[in-house]
Amino acid sequence: VKCLGRLTPSELRDLYSKTQFYLQLSNFEGFGVAICEAMLCYCVPIVSDVNFLPNIVGDTGFILRKREEIMLEKVIKNALNDNLQLLGKKAKNRIETQFPVSKRRDRLANVLKH
């Protein structure tokens, strides 16, 4: 693991675009903005089975049912045998259609009003 510090939006997009997978293996997660950002850059998501993450991913990535190293290894091996280019396109499309920025912004504004 290499800590990159604060990245500009452009640097972050560049990093995502060079990455096949995005792993978000949280114990707890609110909505998952970072996973949406990665999926918009064609990253295939691998997420833990917590909160709303499986709903975001849908059928465009992989859900780690148990947060164990051996399970993660199996998920990654399965993912490498899949059509990653197609999954990446499906991931981007899912975010654009199901969770567009405008929809997320409006929901957040509504929550903050109450």
N, C-alpha and C. Protein backbone atom coordinates (compact mmCIF):
# COMPACT_ATOMS: atom_id res chain seq x y z
N VAL A 1 0.85 -1.17 0.00
CA VAL A 1 0.00 0.00 0.00
C VAL A 1 0.89 1.23 0.00
N LYS A 2 0.55 2.15 -0.86
CA LYS A 2 1.31 3.39 -0.95
C LYS A 2 0.34 4.56 -0.75
N CYS A 3 0.62 5.39 0.23
CA CYS A 3 -0.22 6.57 0.49
C CYS A 3 0.22 7.69 -0.44
N LEU A 4 -0.72 8.22 -1.19
CA LEU A 4 -0.40 9.24 -2.19
C LEU A 4 -0.68 10.65 -1.70
N GLY A 5 -1.30 10.77 -0.55
CA GLY A 5 -1.64 12.10 -0.06
C GLY A 5 -2.84 12.66 -0.82
N ARG A 6 -3.00 13.95 -0.74
CA ARG A 6 -4.14 14.61 -1.39
C ARG A 6 -3.90 14.68 -2.89
N LEU A 7 -4.88 14.24 -3.66
CA LEU A 7 -4.80 14.28 -5.11
C LEU A 7 -5.81 15.26 -5.66
N THR A 8 -5.46 15.90 -6.76
CA THR A 8 -6.42 16.77 -7.44
C THR A 8 -7.44 15.89 -8.14
N PRO A 9 -8.60 16.43 -8.49
CA PRO A 9 -9.58 15.62 -9.23
C PRO A 9 -8.99 15.03 -10.51
N SER A 10 -8.17 15.78 -11.20
CA SER A 10 -7.54 15.29 -12.42
C SER A 10 -6.59 14.13 -12.14
N GLU A 11 -5.80 14.25 -11.09
CA GLU A 11 -4.87 13.17 -10.71
C GLU A 11 -5.64 11.92 -10.30
N LEU A 12 -6.74 12.12 -9.60
CA LEU A 12 -7.55 10.99 -9.16
C LEU A 12 -8.17 10.27 -10.36
N ARG A 13 -8.73 11.03 -11.30
CA ARG A 13 -9.29 10.42 -12.52
C ARG A 13 -8.22 9.65 -13.28
N ASP A 14 -7.02 10.23 -13.36
CA ASP A 14 -5.91 9.57 -14.06
C ASP A 14 -5.56 8.26 -13.37
N LEU A 15 -5.51 8.28 -12.06
CA LEU A 15 -5.19 7.07 -11.30
C LEU A 15 -6.27 6.00 -11.49
N TYR A 16 -7.54 6.40 -11.38
CA TYR A 16 -8.63 5.45 -11.60
C TYR A 16 -8.57 4.85 -13.00
N SER A 17 -8.26 5.69 -13.99
CA SER A 17 -8.28 5.21 -15.38
C SER A 17 -7.17 4.20 -15.66
N LYS A 18 -6.17 4.14 -14.81
CA LYS A 18 -5.07 3.18 -14.96
C LYS A 18 -5.30 1.91 -14.14
N THR A 19 -6.45 1.83 -13.49
CA THR A 19 -6.73 0.76 -12.54
C THR A 19 -7.85 -0.13 -13.06
N GLN A 20 -7.69 -1.44 -12.97
CA GLN A 20 -8.76 -2.35 -13.39
C GLN A 20 -9.81 -2.53 -12.31
N PHE A 21 -9.37 -2.57 -11.07
CA PHE A 21 -10.28 -2.83 -9.95
C PHE A 21 -10.23 -1.68 -8.96
N TYR A 22 -11.35 -1.52 -8.25
CA TYR A 22 -11.38 -0.62 -7.11
C TYR A 22 -11.94 -1.43 -5.95
N LEU A 23 -11.17 -1.54 -4.90
CA LEU A 23 -11.60 -2.29 -3.71
C LEU A 23 -12.05 -1.33 -2.62
N GLN A 24 -13.23 -1.56 -2.11
CA GLN A 24 -13.73 -0.80 -0.96
C GLN A 24 -14.21 -1.82 0.05
N LEU A 25 -13.32 -2.15 0.97
CA LEU A 25 -13.57 -3.24 1.92
C LEU A 25 -13.85 -2.70 3.31
N SER A 26 -14.81 -1.81 3.37
CA SER A 26 -15.16 -1.12 4.61
C SER A 26 -15.89 -2.03 5.59
N ASN A 27 -15.77 -1.68 6.88
CA ASN A 27 -16.62 -2.29 7.91
C ASN A 27 -17.96 -1.57 7.97
N PHE A 28 -17.94 -0.30 7.63
CA PHE A 28 -19.14 0.53 7.58
C PHE A 28 -18.95 1.53 6.46
N GLU A 29 -20.03 1.83 5.77
CA GLU A 29 -19.95 2.80 4.68
C GLU A 29 -21.29 3.49 4.56
N GLY A 30 -21.27 4.80 4.46
CA GLY A 30 -22.50 5.55 4.26
C GLY A 30 -23.05 5.29 2.87
N PHE A 31 -22.71 6.13 1.93
CA PHE A 31 -23.17 5.91 0.56
C PHE A 31 -22.08 5.31 -0.32
N GLY A 32 -20.90 5.80 -0.29
CA GLY A 32 -19.85 5.24 -1.13
C GLY A 32 -19.52 6.11 -2.33
N VAL A 33 -19.24 7.37 -2.10
CA VAL A 33 -18.92 8.30 -3.18
C VAL A 33 -17.69 7.83 -3.95
N ALA A 34 -16.67 7.37 -3.24
CA ALA A 34 -15.43 6.96 -3.91
C ALA A 34 -15.67 5.79 -4.86
N ILE A 35 -16.53 4.86 -4.49
CA ILE A 35 -16.81 3.74 -5.38
C ILE A 35 -17.50 4.23 -6.64
N CYS A 36 -18.37 5.21 -6.51
CA CYS A 36 -19.03 5.80 -7.68
C CYS A 36 -18.01 6.47 -8.59
N GLU A 37 -17.09 7.22 -8.00
CA GLU A 37 -16.04 7.88 -8.79
C GLU A 37 -15.23 6.85 -9.57
N ALA A 38 -14.84 5.78 -8.90
CA ALA A 38 -14.03 4.75 -9.56
C ALA A 38 -14.82 4.06 -10.67
N MET A 39 -16.08 3.75 -10.41
CA MET A 39 -16.90 3.09 -11.42
C MET A 39 -17.11 3.98 -12.64
N LEU A 40 -17.19 5.28 -12.43
CA LEU A 40 -17.31 6.21 -13.56
C LEU A 40 -16.07 6.20 -14.45
N CYS A 41 -14.97 5.72 -13.91
CA CYS A 41 -13.71 5.62 -14.66
C CYS A 41 -13.45 4.19 -15.12
N TYR A 42 -14.51 3.39 -15.20
CA TYR A 42 -14.47 2.01 -15.71
C TYR A 42 -13.78 1.01 -14.78
N CYS A 43 -13.58 1.36 -13.53
CA CYS A 43 -13.00 0.40 -12.58
C CYS A 43 -14.07 -0.63 -12.21
N VAL A 44 -13.67 -1.88 -12.14
CA VAL A 44 -14.57 -2.95 -11.70
C VAL A 44 -14.52 -2.97 -10.18
N PRO A 45 -15.68 -2.78 -9.53
CA PRO A 45 -15.68 -2.71 -8.07
C PRO A 45 -15.65 -4.07 -7.38
N ILE A 46 -14.90 -4.12 -6.30
CA ILE A 46 -14.92 -5.25 -5.37
C ILE A 46 -15.19 -4.62 -4.01
N VAL A 47 -16.33 -4.95 -3.41
CA VAL A 47 -16.73 -4.28 -2.18
C VAL A 47 -17.10 -5.29 -1.10
N SER A 48 -17.04 -4.83 0.14
CA SER A 48 -17.52 -5.65 1.25
C SER A 48 -19.05 -5.58 1.29
N ASP A 49 -19.65 -6.56 1.89
CA ASP A 49 -21.10 -6.68 1.95
C ASP A 49 -21.64 -5.88 3.13
N VAL A 50 -21.48 -4.56 3.06
CA VAL A 50 -21.97 -3.70 4.14
C VAL A 50 -22.80 -2.56 3.57
N ASN A 51 -23.78 -2.19 4.33
CA ASN A 51 -24.64 -1.05 4.06
C ASN A 51 -25.08 -1.03 2.61
N PHE A 52 -24.86 0.09 1.92
CA PHE A 52 -25.41 0.30 0.58
C PHE A 52 -24.46 -0.13 -0.54
N LEU A 53 -23.23 -0.55 -0.21
CA LEU A 53 -22.26 -0.88 -1.25
C LEU A 53 -22.76 -1.93 -2.25
N PRO A 54 -23.37 -3.04 -1.82
CA PRO A 54 -23.86 -4.01 -2.80
C PRO A 54 -24.90 -3.42 -3.75
N ASN A 55 -25.72 -2.49 -3.26
CA ASN A 55 -26.72 -1.84 -4.11
C ASN A 55 -26.06 -0.97 -5.18
N ILE A 56 -24.99 -0.31 -4.81
CA ILE A 56 -24.28 0.52 -5.78
C ILE A 56 -23.68 -0.36 -6.87
N VAL A 57 -23.03 -1.43 -6.48
CA VAL A 57 -22.33 -2.31 -7.42
C VAL A 57 -23.30 -3.09 -8.31
N GLY A 58 -24.38 -3.59 -7.74
CA GLY A 58 -25.32 -4.39 -8.52
C GLY A 58 -24.61 -5.58 -9.14
N ASP A 59 -24.82 -5.78 -10.44
CA ASP A 59 -24.19 -6.91 -11.14
C ASP A 59 -22.95 -6.48 -11.94
N THR A 60 -22.37 -5.34 -11.57
CA THR A 60 -21.24 -4.81 -12.33
C THR A 60 -19.89 -5.09 -11.68
N GLY A 61 -19.88 -5.82 -10.59
CA GLY A 61 -18.63 -6.09 -9.89
C GLY A 61 -18.79 -7.27 -8.97
N PHE A 62 -18.05 -7.25 -7.88
CA PHE A 62 -17.98 -8.39 -6.98
C PHE A 62 -18.19 -7.95 -5.54
N ILE A 63 -18.95 -8.76 -4.81
CA ILE A 63 -19.24 -8.45 -3.41
C ILE A 63 -18.57 -9.51 -2.54
N LEU A 64 -17.75 -9.05 -1.64
CA LEU A 64 -17.03 -9.93 -0.73
C LEU A 64 -17.93 -10.21 0.47
N ARG A 65 -18.48 -11.41 0.53
CA ARG A 65 -19.43 -11.75 1.59
C ARG A 65 -18.77 -11.87 2.95
N LYS A 66 -17.54 -12.36 2.98
CA LYS A 66 -16.78 -12.46 4.23
C LYS A 66 -15.48 -11.70 4.05
N ARG A 67 -15.16 -10.86 5.00
CA ARG A 67 -13.93 -10.07 4.91
C ARG A 67 -12.74 -10.89 5.41
N GLU A 68 -12.38 -11.88 4.60
CA GLU A 68 -11.25 -12.74 4.93
C GLU A 68 -10.30 -12.74 3.73
N GLU A 69 -9.01 -12.81 4.02
CA GLU A 69 -8.01 -12.76 2.96
C GLU A 69 -8.22 -13.84 1.90
N ILE A 70 -8.53 -15.05 2.33
CA ILE A 70 -8.72 -16.15 1.39
C ILE A 70 -9.93 -15.89 0.49
N MET A 71 -10.97 -15.28 1.04
CA MET A 71 -12.15 -14.96 0.24
C MET A 71 -11.83 -13.86 -0.77
N LEU A 72 -11.05 -12.88 -0.36
CA LEU A 72 -10.65 -11.81 -1.28
C LEU A 72 -9.83 -12.40 -2.42
N GLU A 73 -8.94 -13.30 -2.10
CA GLU A 73 -8.12 -13.95 -3.14
C GLU A 73 -9.01 -14.68 -4.15
N LYS A 74 -10.03 -15.39 -3.67
CA LYS A 74 -10.95 -16.10 -4.56
C LYS A 74 -11.72 -15.13 -5.44
N VAL A 75 -12.19 -14.04 -4.85
CA VAL A 75 -12.95 -13.05 -5.62
C VAL A 75 -12.08 -12.45 -6.72
N ILE A 76 -10.85 -12.10 -6.39
CA ILE A 76 -9.96 -11.50 -7.39
C ILE A 76 -9.65 -12.51 -8.50
N LYS A 77 -9.40 -13.76 -8.14
CA LYS A 77 -9.15 -14.79 -9.17
C LYS A 77 -10.35 -14.95 -10.09
N ASN A 78 -11.55 -14.97 -9.52
CA ASN A 78 -12.76 -15.05 -10.34
C ASN A 78 -12.89 -13.82 -11.23
N ALA A 79 -12.61 -12.66 -10.68
CA ALA A 79 -12.71 -11.42 -11.44
C ALA A 79 -11.75 -11.42 -12.62
N LEU A 80 -10.56 -11.94 -12.43
CA LEU A 80 -9.56 -11.96 -13.51
C LEU A 80 -9.98 -12.87 -14.65
N ASN A 81 -10.89 -13.80 -14.39
CA ASN A 81 -11.40 -14.69 -15.44
C ASN A 81 -12.63 -14.11 -16.14
N ASP A 82 -13.07 -12.94 -15.71
CA ASP A 82 -14.26 -12.32 -16.27
C ASP A 82 -13.86 -11.33 -17.37
N ASN A 83 -14.85 -10.83 -18.09
CA ASN A 83 -14.61 -9.82 -19.11
C ASN A 83 -14.57 -8.45 -18.42
N LEU A 84 -13.38 -8.03 -18.04
CA LEU A 84 -13.22 -6.80 -17.25
C LEU A 84 -13.62 -5.56 -18.03
N GLN A 85 -13.36 -5.55 -19.33
CA GLN A 85 -13.72 -4.39 -20.13
C GLN A 85 -15.24 -4.21 -20.14
N LEU A 86 -15.96 -5.30 -20.32
CA LEU A 86 -17.42 -5.23 -20.31
C LEU A 86 -17.93 -4.83 -18.93
N LEU A 87 -17.39 -5.42 -17.88
CA LEU A 87 -17.81 -5.06 -16.52
C LEU A 87 -17.54 -3.59 -16.23
N GLY A 88 -16.39 -3.08 -16.66
CA GLY A 88 -16.07 -1.67 -16.46
C GLY A 88 -17.07 -0.76 -17.14
N LYS A 89 -17.48 -1.12 -18.35
CA LYS A 89 -18.48 -0.32 -19.08
C LYS A 89 -19.83 -0.39 -18.36
N LYS A 90 -20.18 -1.58 -17.88
CA LYS A 90 -21.44 -1.73 -17.14
C LYS A 90 -21.40 -0.93 -15.84
N ALA A 91 -20.24 -0.90 -15.18
CA ALA A 91 -20.10 -0.14 -13.93
C ALA A 91 -20.33 1.34 -14.19
N LYS A 92 -19.68 1.86 -15.22
CA LYS A 92 -19.84 3.29 -15.57
C LYS A 92 -21.30 3.60 -15.89
N ASN A 93 -21.91 2.76 -16.71
CA ASN A 93 -23.30 2.96 -17.09
C ASN A 93 -24.23 2.91 -15.87
N ARG A 94 -23.97 2.00 -14.95
CA ARG A 94 -24.82 1.88 -13.75
C ARG A 94 -24.80 3.17 -12.94
N ILE A 95 -23.62 3.74 -12.76
CA ILE A 95 -23.54 4.98 -11.98
C ILE A 95 -24.23 6.12 -12.72
N GLU A 96 -23.99 6.21 -14.03
CA GLU A 96 -24.60 7.30 -14.81
C GLU A 96 -26.12 7.22 -14.81
N THR A 97 -26.68 6.00 -14.82
CA THR A 97 -28.14 5.88 -14.89
C THR A 97 -28.82 5.76 -13.53
N GLN A 98 -28.20 5.03 -12.59
CA GLN A 98 -28.84 4.79 -11.30
C GLN A 98 -28.47 5.80 -10.21
N PHE A 99 -27.25 6.32 -10.28
CA PHE A 99 -26.75 7.20 -9.22
C PHE A 99 -26.04 8.43 -9.79
N PRO A 100 -26.70 9.18 -10.68
CA PRO A 100 -26.03 10.36 -11.23
C PRO A 100 -25.75 11.39 -10.14
N VAL A 101 -24.76 12.21 -10.39
CA VAL A 101 -24.36 13.23 -9.40
C VAL A 101 -25.55 14.09 -9.01
N SER A 102 -26.37 14.48 -9.97
CA SER A 102 -27.52 15.35 -9.67
C SER A 102 -28.47 14.68 -8.67
N LYS A 103 -28.70 13.40 -8.83
CA LYS A 103 -29.59 12.67 -7.91
C LYS A 103 -28.97 12.59 -6.52
N ARG A 104 -27.67 12.30 -6.45
CA ARG A 104 -27.00 12.21 -5.16
C ARG A 104 -26.97 13.57 -4.47
N ARG A 105 -26.73 14.62 -5.25
CA ARG A 105 -26.69 15.98 -4.69
C ARG A 105 -28.05 16.36 -4.11
N ASP A 106 -29.10 16.08 -4.87
CA ASP A 106 -30.45 16.43 -4.42
C ASP A 106 -30.84 15.66 -3.15
N ARG A 107 -30.48 14.39 -3.08
CA ARG A 107 -30.79 13.60 -1.88
C ARG A 107 -30.03 14.11 -0.66
N LEU A 108 -28.77 14.47 -0.87
CA LEU A 108 -27.98 15.00 0.24
C LEU A 108 -28.56 16.33 0.71
N ALA A 109 -28.94 17.19 -0.22
CA ALA A 109 -29.53 18.47 0.14
C ALA A 109 -30.82 18.26 0.94
N ASN A 110 -31.61 17.28 0.55
CA ASN A 110 -32.84 16.98 1.26
C ASN A 110 -32.57 16.49 2.68
N VAL A 111 -31.56 15.65 2.84
CA VAL A 111 -31.18 15.16 4.17
C VAL A 111 -30.72 16.32 5.04
N LEU A 112 -29.93 17.21 4.49
CA LEU A 112 -29.39 18.33 5.26
C LEU A 112 -30.47 19.33 5.66
N LYS A 113 -31.56 19.39 4.93
CA LYS A 113 -32.66 20.30 5.26
C LYS A 113 -33.39 19.86 6.52
N HIS A 114 -33.38 18.57 6.79
CA HIS A 114 -34.18 18.02 7.90
C HIS A 114 -33.34 17.79 9.09
